[in-house]
Amino acid sequence: MRITPTFVPLSLVGLVLGRDWSQLLLQRKLRSVDPNPLLVRQAAAPSSNTFNQITNHFPNDEFYGPPPINQTFLQHYLVNDTFYQPGGPIFLLDSGETSAQSRKAFLLTGIVLELAQATRGMGMILEHRYYGTSFPEPGLISSEGLSTDNLRWNTADQAIADNPNTGSDDFFLFCDAVTSTNSTFSDVDYQLSKYTGGAIWNNLGNYANYIKANIIPLCPAGVDLDSNECFGTHNATAWANPFDFSGNRAYLYQSCSEFGLWSQGAPAGRRTLLSRSIQTEYTEQTCRWSFPDGRFTKVPASPMLERWNKFGALELQVDRLAQVDGGIDPWQYACVHSPDGFKRSNTLLRPYYEIKQGGHHCFRDENGLLNISAEPDFIQAIHKYEIQFLNARQFVKSWLADFPEWLAGLS
């Protein structure tokens, strides 16, 4: 079935009201509309498909070196059309850092299913290039593995360009991206207590004291604490293996070349769970072991953050971009709800919301259960919020009402 392309991006990487009274306001909004917008979830198994995707969307950019041997590759995607009726929207979720199959639950019980069911739409998951089975240059990768040269088309620009090439009627794009928080250790202790019969995790900070008392004395005398001789657990041979198709190597390449996002100790003056001995030099060592210089490209000494931050970084905001983040997500400094970012208003054109008790993946708006009543209240609330926006002709439907006008502005 060929669908005439009309592309409407909606990325749920963060959504609104970053103040203490946001939940009260949300509940008040929910009571003002349909009190029970969540339908009984039921969907057939999604179908698995592939299509010919362009290997290099930017053939004139010298950054990517010589042209690929194969101009296209088979990109994998999943489709759930259980509720689709002609004229309904199509919701596309980019699988991000894993295979499409790993995101299948979003088509069965998660947000893609819920929105498709509420709007008589169709749900799709597009597999990110270099994950699952969607590999450019499959012949070279089969013989040489994911070498530095064979990974050179694994960039944010190429992945973003993959999406419009899918083709659709009305497309809503969901990016599975890192989210933010504004939590403290007490928040973490409280959340963990829900899984230990209500017992509070007191003195989590004593973890640092344990390291000082029991681990540091094991370090060889006279060596720096931030050296491999003291804390190093790296295996250079394992990192150098190019035949790791699990997704770990593809993600590491993106981190080394563009993203960064290293897990390290917080700067002085801020509470930290990781030791401040864990810093950039330590984490970037894996890049040098994993990706030696190729014939056509090489991984930079440090990630080229400007290639990612050019999209807006912490100031990212654009019309018809919904941003929904988790309030206790450990990736707090990577997205717009970062303490280093700025608070913004929740508007119809720019929804911005932080799920106060939401974490990363597990307690996010993307996930759901067949037994809706078993979901945490705050997850049910955000699902209702998103669907109510749709049913009340707000949010997505309101965006579509003036679609011809703003589409003309993009051309």
Protein backbone atom coordinates (compact mmCIF):
# COMPACT_ATOMS: atom_id res chain seq x y z
CA MET A 1 0.00 0.00 0.00
CA ARG A 2 1.59 3.28 -1.09
CA ILE A 3 0.54 6.29 0.92
CA THR A 4 0.90 9.85 -0.36
CA PRO A 5 3.49 11.50 1.90
CA THR A 6 2.42 14.30 4.23
CA PHE A 7 4.91 14.52 7.10
CA VAL A 8 3.92 15.91 10.50
CA PRO A 9 6.65 15.37 13.14
CA LEU A 10 5.71 15.02 16.80
CA SER A 11 8.50 14.00 19.15
CA LEU A 12 7.54 13.07 22.69
CA VAL A 13 10.90 13.69 24.31
CA GLY A 14 9.56 16.02 26.96
CA LEU A 15 6.17 17.77 27.99
CA VAL A 16 5.30 20.89 30.44
CA LEU A 17 4.62 22.74 33.59
CA GLY A 18 7.91 22.13 35.47
CA ARG A 19 6.51 23.36 38.82
CA ASP A 20 5.27 21.65 41.96
CA TRP A 21 1.62 22.38 41.10
CA SER A 22 1.85 20.80 37.66
CA GLN A 23 0.27 17.50 38.72
CA LEU A 24 -2.69 19.31 40.31
CA LEU A 25 -3.20 21.31 37.13
CA LEU A 26 -2.98 18.14 35.07
CA GLN A 27 -5.60 16.34 37.17
CA ARG A 28 -7.90 19.37 36.95
CA LYS A 29 -7.57 19.34 33.17
CA LEU A 30 -8.39 15.63 33.06
CA ARG A 31 -11.55 16.11 35.10
CA SER A 32 -12.73 18.79 32.68
CA VAL A 33 -12.87 16.37 29.76
CA ASP A 34 -13.85 12.75 29.19
CA PRO A 35 -13.25 11.04 32.58
CA ASN A 36 -12.26 7.72 31.03
CA PRO A 37 -10.34 8.18 27.77
CA LEU A 38 -8.19 5.07 28.13
CA LEU A 39 -9.70 2.30 26.04
CA VAL A 40 -9.33 -1.41 26.69
CA ARG A 41 -6.05 -2.27 25.02
CA GLN A 42 -6.25 -4.99 22.44
CA ALA A 43 -4.20 -5.28 19.28
CA ALA A 44 -3.08 -7.94 16.85
CA ALA A 45 0.62 -8.76 16.56
CA PRO A 46 2.39 -6.17 14.40
CA SER A 47 3.64 -7.15 10.96
CA SER A 48 7.35 -6.98 10.14
CA ASN A 49 8.48 -5.31 6.92
CA THR A 50 11.49 -3.79 5.13
CA PHE A 51 11.98 -1.15 2.47
CA ASN A 52 14.93 0.22 0.51
CA GLN A 53 16.47 3.07 2.48
CA ILE A 54 19.14 5.44 1.11
CA THR A 55 22.58 4.70 2.55
CA ASN A 56 23.99 8.22 2.25
CA HIS A 57 21.46 11.07 2.15
CA PHE A 58 24.26 13.60 1.70
CA PRO A 59 26.38 12.41 -1.26
CA ASN A 60 28.02 15.81 -1.72
CA ASP A 61 29.22 16.07 1.88
CA GLU A 62 32.94 15.21 2.07
CA PHE A 63 32.45 14.28 5.71
CA TYR A 64 31.19 10.83 4.63
CA GLY A 65 34.08 10.00 2.31
CA PRO A 66 33.67 8.00 -0.91
CA PRO A 67 30.20 6.80 -1.95
CA PRO A 68 28.92 3.48 -0.61
CA ILE A 69 29.07 0.35 -2.74
CA ASN A 70 25.34 -0.12 -2.20
CA GLN A 71 23.25 3.04 -2.60
CA THR A 72 20.42 1.53 -0.52
CA PHE A 73 19.93 -0.97 2.29
CA LEU A 74 16.93 -2.79 3.75
CA GLN A 75 15.54 -0.90 6.72
CA HIS A 76 13.25 -2.80 9.04
CA TYR A 77 9.95 -1.51 10.43
CA LEU A 78 6.91 -2.84 12.31
CA VAL A 79 3.28 -1.94 11.62
CA ASN A 80 0.13 -2.34 13.70
CA ASP A 81 -2.97 -1.42 11.70
CA THR A 82 -5.51 -3.04 14.04
CA PHE A 83 -7.46 0.20 14.50
CA TYR A 84 -6.64 1.97 11.26
CA GLN A 85 -9.43 3.47 9.18
CA PRO A 86 -8.86 5.42 5.96
CA GLY A 87 -7.99 9.01 6.75
CA GLY A 88 -6.63 8.19 10.20
CA PRO A 89 -3.18 9.42 11.28
CA ILE A 90 -0.04 7.29 11.30
CA PHE A 91 2.15 7.38 14.41
CA LEU A 92 5.82 6.60 13.75
CA LEU A 93 8.23 5.82 16.58
CA ASP A 94 11.96 5.75 15.89
CA SER A 95 13.45 2.76 17.72
CA GLY A 96 16.49 4.79 18.73
CA GLU A 97 19.30 2.88 20.39
CA THR A 98 17.94 -0.62 19.84
CA SER A 99 16.11 -2.86 17.39
CA ALA A 100 12.52 -2.39 16.27
CA GLN A 101 11.62 -5.70 17.92
CA SER A 102 12.83 -4.32 21.25
CA ARG A 103 10.25 -1.55 20.96
CA LYS A 104 7.38 -3.82 19.90
CA ALA A 105 5.63 -3.39 23.25
CA PHE A 106 4.86 0.22 22.32
CA LEU A 107 2.66 -1.15 19.52
CA LEU A 108 0.95 -3.66 21.79
CA THR A 109 0.42 -1.87 25.11
CA GLY A 110 2.28 1.45 24.94
CA ILE A 111 1.66 4.99 23.78
CA VAL A 112 1.74 4.24 20.03
CA LEU A 113 -1.08 1.72 20.45
CA GLU A 114 -3.07 4.05 22.70
CA LEU A 115 -2.93 6.99 20.32
CA ALA A 116 -3.68 4.82 17.29
CA GLN A 117 -6.64 3.25 19.08
CA ALA A 118 -7.98 6.62 20.24
CA THR A 119 -7.75 8.18 16.78
CA ARG A 120 -8.40 5.20 14.47
CA GLY A 121 -4.83 5.50 13.34
CA MET A 122 -1.92 3.23 12.53
CA GLY A 123 1.22 2.60 14.59
CA MET A 124 4.67 2.06 13.15
CA ILE A 125 8.16 1.56 14.58
CA LEU A 126 11.10 2.39 12.33
CA GLU A 127 14.35 0.63 13.16
CA HIS A 128 17.30 2.98 13.54
CA ARG A 129 20.08 2.33 11.04
CA TYR A 130 22.87 0.05 12.36
CA TYR A 131 20.55 -1.60 14.91
CA GLY A 132 18.62 -4.86 14.74
CA THR A 133 18.86 -5.98 11.11
CA SER A 134 19.05 -2.55 9.42
CA PHE A 135 22.67 -2.36 8.30
CA PRO A 136 24.02 -0.26 5.44
CA GLU A 137 26.64 -2.06 3.36
CA PRO A 138 25.66 -5.53 4.61
CA GLY A 139 28.33 -7.23 2.48
CA LEU A 140 31.18 -5.24 3.98
CA ILE A 141 29.77 -5.54 7.48
CA SER A 142 29.46 -9.30 7.07
CA SER A 143 33.15 -9.61 6.18
CA GLU A 144 34.71 -6.70 8.09
CA GLY A 145 32.24 -6.09 10.90
CA LEU A 146 31.32 -2.66 12.23
CA SER A 147 34.67 -1.07 11.48
CA THR A 148 35.25 2.66 11.77
CA ASP A 149 34.79 3.08 8.01
CA ASN A 150 31.67 0.92 7.87
CA LEU A 151 30.04 2.99 10.62
CA ARG A 152 30.62 6.38 9.01
CA TRP A 153 26.96 6.75 7.96
CA ASN A 154 25.80 6.28 11.56
CA THR A 155 25.16 9.95 12.32
CA ALA A 156 22.25 11.97 13.65
CA ASP A 157 21.86 13.74 10.29
CA GLN A 158 21.55 10.45 8.39
CA ALA A 159 19.08 8.98 10.90
CA ILE A 160 16.88 12.07 10.84
CA ALA A 161 16.90 11.99 7.04
CA ASP A 162 15.73 8.36 7.16
CA ASN A 163 12.37 9.32 8.68
CA PRO A 164 10.68 11.35 5.89
CA ASN A 165 11.80 8.71 3.42
CA THR A 166 9.40 6.23 5.01
CA GLY A 167 6.35 7.89 3.42
CA SER A 168 2.99 8.42 5.13
CA ASP A 169 -0.42 10.05 5.22
CA ASP A 170 -0.25 12.10 8.44
CA PHE A 171 2.93 11.21 10.29
CA PHE A 172 3.59 11.69 13.97
CA LEU A 173 7.20 11.02 14.88
CA PHE A 174 8.15 9.85 18.36
CA CYS A 175 11.85 9.86 19.21
CA ASP A 176 12.96 7.50 21.95
CA ALA A 177 15.42 9.91 23.47
CA VAL A 178 17.04 10.51 26.82
CA THR A 179 14.97 12.50 29.28
CA SER A 180 15.58 14.73 32.25
CA THR A 181 14.96 15.19 35.95
CA ASN A 182 15.40 17.58 38.81
CA SER A 183 15.76 14.98 41.53
CA THR A 184 17.80 14.73 44.73
CA PHE A 185 19.04 11.74 46.66
CA SER A 186 15.95 11.93 48.84
CA ASP A 187 13.80 11.57 45.71
CA VAL A 188 15.75 8.46 44.75
CA ASP A 189 15.47 7.02 48.25
CA TYR A 190 11.71 7.58 48.21
CA GLN A 191 11.22 5.96 44.81
CA LEU A 192 13.28 2.92 45.76
CA SER A 193 11.23 2.51 48.91
CA LYS A 194 8.22 1.53 46.80
CA TYR A 195 10.01 -1.70 45.93
CA THR A 196 11.17 -2.54 49.45
CA GLY A 197 7.84 -2.67 51.27
CA GLY A 198 7.90 1.03 52.05
CA ALA A 199 11.24 0.97 53.84
CA ILE A 200 13.17 4.18 53.08
CA TRP A 201 16.67 3.79 51.64
CA ASN A 202 18.43 5.93 54.22
CA ASN A 203 22.10 6.87 53.96
CA LEU A 204 22.49 6.05 50.29
CA GLY A 205 25.36 8.53 50.40
CA ASN A 206 27.35 6.07 52.52
CA TYR A 207 28.17 4.37 49.24
CA ALA A 208 30.96 6.92 48.85
CA ASN A 209 32.25 6.20 52.34
CA TYR A 210 32.32 2.50 51.55
CA ILE A 211 34.46 3.14 48.46
CA LYS A 212 36.89 5.25 50.47
CA ALA A 213 37.15 2.75 53.30
CA ASN A 214 37.20 -0.54 51.39
CA ILE A 215 38.22 0.01 47.77
CA ILE A 216 40.76 2.82 47.67
CA PRO A 217 43.11 1.01 50.08
CA LEU A 218 43.35 -1.78 47.48
CA CYS A 219 44.88 0.57 44.90
CA PRO A 220 48.64 0.21 44.34
CA ALA A 221 50.66 2.70 46.36
CA GLY A 222 51.57 5.89 44.56
CA VAL A 223 49.13 5.66 41.62
CA ASP A 224 46.44 8.21 40.78
CA LEU A 225 42.93 7.32 41.84
CA ASP A 226 41.63 8.10 38.34
CA SER A 227 44.04 5.67 36.66
CA ASN A 228 43.47 2.21 35.20
CA GLU A 229 45.92 0.85 37.75
CA CYS A 230 43.48 1.73 40.52
CA PHE A 231 39.95 1.41 39.18
CA GLY A 232 40.42 0.17 35.65
CA THR A 233 38.29 -2.76 34.52
CA HIS A 234 38.62 -2.21 30.77
CA ASN A 235 39.50 -4.99 28.35
CA ALA A 236 41.04 -3.42 25.26
CA THR A 237 40.75 -6.62 23.21
CA ALA A 238 37.02 -6.93 23.85
CA TRP A 239 36.39 -3.28 22.90
CA ALA A 240 38.27 -3.75 19.62
CA ASN A 241 35.98 -6.56 18.39
CA PRO A 242 34.12 -5.20 15.29
CA PHE A 243 31.67 -8.13 15.14
CA ASP A 244 29.41 -6.95 17.96
CA PHE A 245 25.99 -6.52 16.34
CA SER A 246 24.05 -6.27 19.61
CA GLY A 247 23.69 -2.50 19.28
CA ASN A 248 26.36 -1.71 21.87
CA ARG A 249 29.04 -0.95 19.27
CA ALA A 250 26.72 1.16 17.11
CA TYR A 251 25.72 3.21 20.17
CA LEU A 252 29.33 3.59 21.28
CA TYR A 253 30.26 4.91 17.82
CA GLN A 254 27.54 7.55 18.07
CA SER A 255 28.75 8.49 21.55
CA CYS A 256 32.39 8.72 20.49
CA SER A 257 31.74 10.65 17.30
CA GLU A 258 28.85 13.00 18.18
CA PHE A 259 26.89 12.46 21.36
CA GLY A 260 29.29 12.13 24.27
CA LEU A 261 26.80 11.58 27.11
CA TRP A 262 29.45 9.93 29.24
CA SER A 263 28.54 8.72 32.72
CA GLN A 264 30.96 10.42 35.07
CA GLY A 265 31.18 12.07 38.45
CA ALA A 266 29.28 15.34 38.88
CA PRO A 267 31.24 18.61 39.04
CA ALA A 268 32.40 19.87 42.42
CA GLY A 269 29.59 21.55 44.33
CA ARG A 270 26.95 19.10 43.11
CA ARG A 271 25.93 15.83 44.72
CA THR A 272 27.29 12.83 42.90
CA LEU A 273 26.74 9.09 43.05
CA LEU A 274 29.66 8.23 40.79
CA SER A 275 33.16 8.99 41.98
CA ARG A 276 34.61 12.20 40.54
CA SER A 277 37.61 10.09 39.54
CA ILE A 278 35.41 8.85 36.69
CA GLN A 279 35.87 11.62 34.15
CA THR A 280 36.00 12.09 30.37
CA GLU A 281 39.52 10.78 29.86
CA TYR A 282 38.58 7.47 31.48
CA THR A 283 35.37 6.93 29.55
CA GLU A 284 36.72 8.08 26.18
CA GLN A 285 39.51 5.48 26.35
CA THR A 286 37.00 2.95 25.00
CA CYS A 287 36.69 5.04 21.83
CA ARG A 288 40.38 4.74 21.06
CA TRP A 289 40.36 1.00 21.64
CA SER A 290 37.18 0.42 19.65
CA PHE A 291 37.64 2.64 16.60
CA PRO A 292 41.13 2.94 15.13
CA ASP A 293 41.48 5.33 12.22
CA GLY A 294 39.97 3.99 9.00
CA ARG A 295 40.88 4.68 5.39
CA PHE A 296 38.03 7.14 4.88
CA THR A 297 37.16 8.43 8.32
CA LYS A 298 38.28 8.52 11.91
CA VAL A 299 36.66 9.08 15.28
CA PRO A 300 37.61 12.52 16.69
CA ALA A 301 39.65 12.92 19.85
CA SER A 302 36.46 14.10 21.55
CA PRO A 303 32.85 13.93 20.30
CA MET A 304 31.84 16.62 17.81
CA LEU A 305 29.03 17.86 20.01
CA GLU A 306 28.26 20.71 17.62
CA ARG A 307 26.87 18.18 15.13
CA TRP A 308 24.18 17.29 17.68
CA ASN A 309 23.77 20.55 19.55
CA LYS A 310 23.07 22.42 16.32
CA PHE A 311 19.45 21.24 16.66
CA GLY A 312 18.97 23.41 19.74
CA ALA A 313 20.58 21.56 22.67
CA LEU A 314 18.99 22.61 25.99
CA GLU A 315 17.24 25.49 24.22
CA LEU A 316 15.46 23.17 21.80
CA GLN A 317 11.89 24.32 21.24
CA VAL A 318 9.86 24.49 18.09
CA ASP A 319 6.20 24.56 17.18
CA ARG A 320 4.46 21.16 17.22
CA LEU A 321 7.20 19.50 19.26
CA ALA A 322 5.92 17.88 22.48
CA GLN A 323 8.51 17.22 25.16
CA VAL A 324 7.64 14.68 27.87
CA ASP A 325 10.33 13.78 30.40
CA GLY A 326 10.64 11.70 33.56
CA GLY A 327 11.21 13.52 36.83
CA ILE A 328 13.78 11.04 38.20
CA ASP A 329 15.47 10.04 34.97
CA PRO A 330 19.24 9.68 35.48
CA TRP A 331 19.83 11.30 32.05
CA GLN A 332 18.75 14.62 33.52
CA TYR A 333 21.47 16.82 32.05
CA ALA A 334 21.04 15.58 28.49
CA CYS A 335 17.64 17.11 27.67
CA VAL A 336 15.48 20.17 28.01
CA HIS A 337 14.36 19.52 31.60
CA SER A 338 17.99 19.67 32.71
CA PRO A 339 18.73 21.83 35.76
CA ASP A 340 21.11 23.65 33.42
CA GLY A 341 18.28 24.43 31.02
CA PHE A 342 15.43 26.88 31.46
CA LYS A 343 11.80 26.45 32.43
CA ARG A 344 9.29 27.17 29.71
CA SER A 345 5.53 27.38 29.53
CA ASN A 346 3.26 24.60 28.41
CA THR A 347 1.39 25.72 25.31
CA LEU A 348 -0.74 24.07 22.69
CA LEU A 349 1.95 24.49 20.05
CA ARG A 350 4.82 23.59 22.39
CA PRO A 351 3.71 21.06 25.04
CA TYR A 352 6.33 20.69 27.77
CA TYR A 353 5.75 18.35 30.72
CA GLU A 354 7.75 16.55 33.36
CA ILE A 355 6.28 13.37 34.88
CA LYS A 356 7.38 14.00 38.44
CA GLN A 357 7.72 10.33 39.38
CA GLY A 358 8.72 9.14 35.92
CA GLY A 359 12.06 7.49 35.27
CA HIS A 360 13.82 6.31 32.13
CA HIS A 361 11.81 3.80 30.05
CA CYS A 362 10.25 1.91 32.97
CA PHE A 363 8.08 4.80 34.15
CA ARG A 364 7.66 6.75 30.94
CA ASP A 365 4.66 7.68 28.84
CA GLU A 366 5.81 5.27 26.11
CA ASN A 367 5.08 2.17 28.16
CA GLY A 368 1.77 0.68 29.24
CA LEU A 369 0.10 -2.50 30.48
CA LEU A 370 -2.80 -4.52 29.14
CA ASN A 371 -4.28 -4.23 32.62
CA ILE A 372 -4.55 -0.44 32.71
CA SER A 373 -5.50 -0.34 36.40
CA ALA A 374 -2.15 -1.94 37.27
CA GLU A 375 -0.22 1.03 35.89
CA PRO A 376 1.12 3.64 38.32
CA ASP A 377 -1.32 6.54 38.64
CA PHE A 378 1.11 9.04 37.20
CA ILE A 379 1.56 6.95 34.05
CA GLN A 380 -2.22 6.63 33.61
CA ALA A 381 -2.45 10.39 34.06
CA ILE A 382 0.01 11.27 31.32
CA HIS A 383 -1.60 8.77 28.92
CA LYS A 384 -4.99 10.39 29.56
CA TYR A 385 -3.43 13.82 29.14
CA GLU A 386 -1.99 12.98 25.72
CA ILE A 387 -5.11 11.23 24.48
CA GLN A 388 -7.42 13.93 25.81
CA PHE A 389 -5.44 16.49 23.88
CA LEU A 390 -6.21 14.44 20.78
CA ASN A 391 -9.89 13.88 21.52
CA ALA A 392 -10.48 17.53 22.44
CA ARG A 393 -9.09 18.64 19.07
CA GLN A 394 -6.14 20.07 20.91
CA PHE A 395 -2.51 19.09 20.53
CA VAL A 396 -2.14 16.99 17.35
CA LYS A 397 -5.60 17.49 15.91
CA SER A 398 -5.37 21.21 16.39
CA TRP A 399 -2.01 21.14 14.62
CA LEU A 400 -3.63 19.37 11.69
CA ALA A 401 -6.44 21.90 11.47
CA ASP A 402 -4.07 24.47 10.00
CA PHE A 403 -1.81 21.91 8.36
CA PRO A 404 -1.78 23.47 4.86
CA GLU A 405 -0.62 26.81 6.27
CA TRP A 406 2.31 25.60 8.34
CA LEU A 407 3.32 22.98 5.79
CA ALA A 408 3.67 25.79 3.25
CA GLY A 409 6.01 27.53 5.67
CA LEU A 410 8.31 24.49 5.70
CA SER A 411 8.69 24.33 1.93
